[in-house]
Amino acid sequence: MERLLFSESLKELYERDFYLWVYENLRLLKEGNCSLVDWQNLLEEIENMAKS
């Protein structure tokens, strides 16, 4: 699986492949690369999960 390096790519990925987007953000968090995480969409997803 190709690794994404830039948050802009992750934002684009969010629209195209949700599963891969989740996987890549999880990988970045586990590696401690928090500055590359797509925080805007990740926080929105967490907020939506909390509402449901």
C-alpha atoms as a PDB file:
ATOM      1  CA  MET A   1       0.000   0.000   0.000  1.00  0.00           C
ATOM      2  CA  GLU A   2       1.478   3.343  -1.000  1.00  0.00           C
ATOM      3  CA  ARG A   3       2.200   5.716   1.844  1.00  0.00           C
ATOM      4  CA  LEU A   4       0.866   9.229   1.630  1.00  0.00           C
ATOM      5  CA  LEU A   5       3.075  12.006   2.906  1.00  0.00           C
ATOM      6  CA  PHE A   6       1.109  15.241   2.766  1.00  0.00           C
ATOM      7  CA  SER A   7      -2.081  16.251   4.553  1.00  0.00           C
ATOM      8  CA  GLU A   8      -3.401  17.747   1.296  1.00  0.00           C
ATOM      9  CA  SER A   9      -3.212  14.286  -0.264  1.00  0.00           C
ATOM     10  CA  LEU A  10      -5.070  12.875   2.739  1.00  0.00           C
ATOM     11  CA  LYS A  11      -7.833  15.444   2.316  1.00  0.00           C
ATOM     12  CA  GLU A  12      -8.223  14.348  -1.298  1.00  0.00           C
ATOM     13  CA  LEU A  13      -8.107  10.705  -0.248  1.00  0.00           C
ATOM     14  CA  TYR A  14     -10.936  11.319   2.230  1.00  0.00           C
ATOM     15  CA  GLU A  15     -13.252  11.967  -0.710  1.00  0.00           C
ATOM     16  CA  ARG A  16     -12.043   8.996  -2.781  1.00  0.00           C
ATOM     17  CA  ASP A  17     -11.249   6.118  -0.428  1.00  0.00           C
ATOM     18  CA  PHE A  18     -12.462   6.408   3.161  1.00  0.00           C
ATOM     19  CA  TYR A  19     -10.923   3.108   4.304  1.00  0.00           C
ATOM     20  CA  LEU A  20      -7.462   4.052   3.037  1.00  0.00           C
ATOM     21  CA  TRP A  21      -7.853   7.527   4.522  1.00  0.00           C
ATOM     22  CA  VAL A  22      -8.532   5.968   7.961  1.00  0.00           C
ATOM     23  CA  TYR A  23      -5.609   3.567   7.568  1.00  0.00           C
ATOM     24  CA  GLU A  24      -3.171   6.336   6.609  1.00  0.00           C
ATOM     25  CA  ASN A  25      -4.236   8.615   9.471  1.00  0.00           C
ATOM     26  CA  LEU A  26      -3.932   5.718  11.916  1.00  0.00           C
ATOM     27  CA  ARG A  27      -0.445   4.911  10.612  1.00  0.00           C
ATOM     28  CA  LEU A  28       0.627   8.541  10.969  1.00  0.00           C
ATOM     29  CA  LEU A  29      -0.677   8.706  14.532  1.00  0.00           C
ATOM     30  CA  LYS A  30       1.066   5.461  15.494  1.00  0.00           C
ATOM     31  CA  GLU A  31       4.327   6.759  14.017  1.00  0.00           C
ATOM     32  CA  GLY A  32       3.975  10.072  15.863  1.00  0.00           C
ATOM     33  CA  ASN A  33       3.645  12.102  12.656  1.00  0.00           C
ATOM     34  CA  CYS A  34       0.776  14.153  14.046  1.00  0.00           C
ATOM     35  CA  SER A  35       1.520  17.187  11.889  1.00  0.00           C
ATOM     36  CA  LEU A  36       0.618  15.184   8.748  1.00  0.00           C
ATOM     37  CA  VAL A  37      -2.750  13.908  10.026  1.00  0.00           C
ATOM     38  CA  ASP A  38      -5.888  15.212   8.313  1.00  0.00           C
ATOM     39  CA  TRP A  39      -7.153  16.724  11.565  1.00  0.00           C
ATOM     40  CA  GLN A  40     -10.069  18.624  10.053  1.00  0.00           C
ATOM     41  CA  ASN A  41     -11.778  15.533   8.649  1.00  0.00           C
ATOM     42  CA  LEU A  42     -10.654  13.262  11.493  1.00  0.00           C
ATOM     43  CA  LEU A  43     -12.210  15.511  14.132  1.00  0.00           C
ATOM     44  CA  GLU A  44     -15.387  15.810  12.054  1.00  0.00           C
ATOM     45  CA  GLU A  45     -15.645  12.006  11.850  1.00  0.00           C
ATOM     46  CA  ILE A  46     -15.124  11.630  15.604  1.00  0.00           C
ATOM     47  CA  GLU A  47     -17.731  14.284  16.287  1.00  0.00           C
ATOM     48  CA  ASN A  48     -20.214  12.527  13.982  1.00  0.00           C
ATOM     49  CA  MET A  49     -19.573   9.207  15.732  1.00  0.00           C
ATOM     50  CA  ALA A  50     -20.273  10.853  19.092  1.00  0.00           C
ATOM     51  CA  LYS A  51     -23.617  12.166  17.808  1.00  0.00           C
ATOM     52  CA  SER A  52     -24.806   8.760  16.608  1.00  0.00           C
END
